[in-house]
Amino acid sequence: MLDTQPHLQACDDFYEALIAGHNGLTPPESHAMNARLILLLANHIGDQATLLHALKLARGSTAPTSAADMVAVTPIAPVHAAN
């Protein structure tokens, strides 16, 4: 099960680093960076049920309960990634 209790140390510093990581990137490059980061962290977590729970919470509504239920979508560039 996904642990949603705060554990992130220096969260403001991490957020700054995340935003800085997008500086100078085009929207497609920013999307690719986000995708790589998500996949790296998903690999670290590893548990399918936890990852699907995270997808549901991140979406804020009903989300797929299995990978087979997912439909491809085009992500929207984060506002901070704009040049």
Protein backbone atom coordinates (compact mmCIF):
# COMPACT_ATOMS: atom_id res chain seq x y z
CA MET A 1 0.00 0.00 0.00
CA LEU A 2 1.15 3.51 -0.77
CA ASP A 3 2.44 5.46 2.22
CA THR A 4 1.19 9.05 1.86
CA GLN A 5 2.62 10.32 5.14
CA PRO A 6 5.27 13.05 4.73
CA HIS A 7 8.79 11.58 4.52
CA LEU A 8 10.51 13.98 2.16
CA GLN A 9 13.34 15.80 3.85
CA ALA A 10 14.05 19.35 2.68
CA CYS A 11 10.99 19.28 0.41
CA ASP A 12 11.50 22.90 -0.67
CA ASP A 13 15.06 22.09 -1.73
CA PHE A 14 13.85 19.09 -3.73
CA TYR A 15 11.12 21.15 -5.39
CA GLU A 16 13.72 23.80 -6.33
CA ALA A 17 15.97 21.09 -7.79
CA LEU A 18 13.05 19.63 -9.72
CA ILE A 19 12.14 23.00 -11.21
CA ALA A 20 15.81 23.76 -11.95
CA GLY A 21 16.06 20.43 -13.75
CA HIS A 22 13.44 21.68 -16.23
CA ASN A 23 15.12 25.04 -16.87
CA GLY A 24 16.08 25.45 -20.50
CA LEU A 25 14.21 22.36 -21.66
CA THR A 26 11.68 22.44 -24.46
CA PRO A 27 8.22 21.09 -23.59
CA PRO A 28 9.01 17.70 -25.22
CA GLU A 29 12.32 17.51 -23.33
CA SER A 30 10.50 18.39 -20.11
CA HIS A 31 7.95 15.65 -20.74
CA ALA A 32 10.74 13.17 -21.39
CA MET A 33 12.53 14.17 -18.19
CA ASN A 34 9.31 13.74 -16.19
CA ALA A 35 8.72 10.35 -17.76
CA ARG A 36 12.25 9.17 -16.99
CA LEU A 37 11.98 10.40 -13.40
CA ILE A 38 8.64 8.65 -12.93
CA LEU A 39 9.99 5.40 -14.37
CA LEU A 40 13.12 5.56 -12.20
CA LEU A 41 11.05 6.10 -9.06
CA ALA A 42 8.50 3.45 -10.11
CA ASN A 43 11.34 0.99 -10.57
CA HIS A 44 12.62 1.87 -7.10
CA ILE A 45 9.16 1.27 -5.60
CA GLY A 46 8.64 -1.88 -7.64
CA ASP A 47 5.30 -2.99 -6.21
CA GLN A 48 2.54 -2.96 -8.86
CA ALA A 49 -0.33 -2.43 -6.39
CA THR A 50 1.47 0.52 -4.81
CA LEU A 51 2.17 2.07 -8.21
CA LEU A 52 -1.44 1.67 -9.35
CA HIS A 53 -2.61 3.23 -6.07
CA ALA A 54 -0.25 6.16 -6.69
CA LEU A 55 -1.69 6.61 -10.19
CA LYS A 56 -5.19 6.71 -8.76
CA LEU A 57 -4.25 9.28 -6.11
CA ALA A 58 -2.27 11.42 -8.55
CA ARG A 59 -5.15 11.50 -11.01
CA GLY A 60 -7.56 12.56 -8.28
CA SER A 61 -10.34 10.39 -9.66
CA THR A 62 -11.04 6.85 -10.73
CA ALA A 63 -7.93 5.42 -12.30
CA PRO A 64 -7.15 2.11 -13.99
CA THR A 65 -6.88 -0.87 -11.70
CA SER A 66 -4.47 -2.66 -14.01
CA ALA A 67 -2.01 -1.74 -16.72
CA ALA A 68 -4.36 -3.31 -19.30
CA ASP A 69 -7.04 -0.72 -18.40
CA MET A 70 -4.80 2.26 -19.22
CA VAL A 71 -5.32 4.39 -22.31
CA ALA A 72 -2.48 6.40 -23.84
CA VAL A 73 -2.78 10.16 -23.37
CA THR A 74 -0.66 13.12 -24.32
CA PRO A 75 0.68 14.79 -21.16
CA ILE A 76 0.46 18.53 -20.73
CA ALA A 77 3.69 20.49 -20.20
CA PRO A 78 4.13 21.85 -16.69
CA VAL A 79 3.79 25.63 -16.58
CA HIS A 80 7.27 25.98 -15.09
CA ALA A 81 8.80 24.28 -18.13
CA ALA A 82 7.85 27.15 -20.45
CA ASN A 83 10.76 29.21 -21.73
